[in-house]
């Protein structure tokens, strides 16, 4: 796109070569300027805007003197006045009654004024001056802008930049009441987009021009500077303008939107709390007080703000919930206290279960609010912990346990075991369910619970349920410790029978040991119940006591006969592997059942009859 260049020219008057007291000469906006009496002993210069570039000419001194020159000086008539024009080189244009001359050049006498004019122009066009001098037909001297300096044809079609397009349209729209915009620092793409919008066919820029005209500040002039232009659009509320001026067309709105993009209103970074309030207020239709969240951990506030400002979050359901937080007071606004009470009492799981359409980001917001306002939990006692877990494990089929009379330390240890992380109480619950007695209900009473674990054989259960884990075994062991199987204190005789029965594999009758000294019975019981005693060898010996009767059970009579006839020394000598505690048991049994000894003389003289036969075996007299 091109257009005929339109150069803007303004002539200025100054006091000296330093440019002091620079004043724009009123009306001097043409390519030619004729000095006036106001310019005498001053300096003038031209300023041209060429292709939106401002270029200034050299300063030119103007002096007005009346000279009485002889004809011999110029070879012609007397000179009546002269105007001196001084630039980079001294050039005089002299006016006489008959002829004009250029002083400083060899000019033949009698040359015409048109020839002088041509000569003058020819001289200056060959120099690097920014101006030329011309004498018109009325003998006026003018300063003429020299386009040859720039080697540009005034009628040449030249390309217009995006910035030039913008300035051209805006200048026209405001009636030439805005300075040339430089848009320094603005992204070139934005400038191009604005230029494209402004040069769109059939765009009516009148409303935009009216708006820009309002950008003029309170200074004395009525021209909008670029600073005022920028300030106006920076502060402009696009939505408000579009809402107010309902007649704006789409292309006009697009221009305003682009200007607003170039001059955005600076946004102050909101705090996390401000973000939360802004979104919640909008979600509830402005029906909630400003939240202060005093005492809430800053990290939680930040996390809630991040969740609420997440892209595409629909806060409508959350707003509806919050609206329900309004208490019974007269107003319909949710106070922070009501807000806190509502979320403190809110059951997150219940809400999520009820409102099945909630999305993950909405659930996350509710979860975070619940984290900020947790439902206070009263610290459970150890007994409450035990009941809570056992009730859940049995499917609510057990009465509340009181555990009266149970040592508090045991209760605490059981509670610690039951609340251990990742404990699977299912097997324990199944066992407890078996504790229900034969009554009509299917609920385990505490009495039934106690009876069950009192009678439970821990070793048998662990041996039967081989899949039990260590933490499950630990719970059962603790319950067994709380409900131990009662043990009745055995008598010494019962202890002896219990151990000997086990040692012989239940192959001996119950011993009564009638007539045996109680002290001996006690000593035998103490020896048999000694820790780590291995009764296997003793059991094997006793098994040999079985007589020739049909059964294979050792009667007390057979037991007594066996140990009465047992030779302790021979047994100990034969079974060299017997330990001291085993030998002690045998010695005590031998003491209870000693081998009877007979007096030899008595036998010979009082008991021996004619025809009796006897032998002595191992030092003992035996009748045959």
Foldseek 3Di string as FASTA:
>chain_A
DWDQWDKWKWKWKAQDQVRHPIDTDPPPGDQKDFDDPVQANIWMKMWMQTLNRIDIFHTKHKHWDADFDPCVVVVHHTFGTWIWIDDPHTWTWTDRPAAIDIPPDDDDPPDHLVVRQVVQQVVVLVDLGQWGWGQDPVRTIITGGDCVNVPDDSGDTDDRDLLRLVQVLLCVLQVNQEDRDPLPPFDPVLSNVLSCLSPPPPDDCNVVNVQQQVLDDDDDDSHHYNVSSLVSLLPDDLVVVCVVCVPDDPSNSVNSVSSCVRRPNDDDDDDLLRLVQVQLCVLQVNQEDRDPLPPFDPVLSNVLSCLSPPPPDDCNVVNVQQQVLDDDDDDSHHYNVSSLVSLLPDDLVVVCVVCVPDDPSNSVNSVSSCVRRPNDDDDDDLLRLVQVQLCVLQVNQEDRDPLPPFDSVLSNVLSCLSPPPPDDCNVVNVQQQVLDDDDDDSHHYNVSSLVSLLPDDLVVVCVVCVPDDPSNSVNSVSSCVRRHNDDDDDDLLVLVQVQLCVLQVNQEDRDPLPPFDVVLSNVLSCLSPPPPDDCNVVNVQQQVLDDDDDDSHHYNVSSLVSLLPDDLVVVCVVCVPDDPSNSVNSVSSCVRRPHDADDPVCCVPPVDDPPWDWDADPNGIDTD
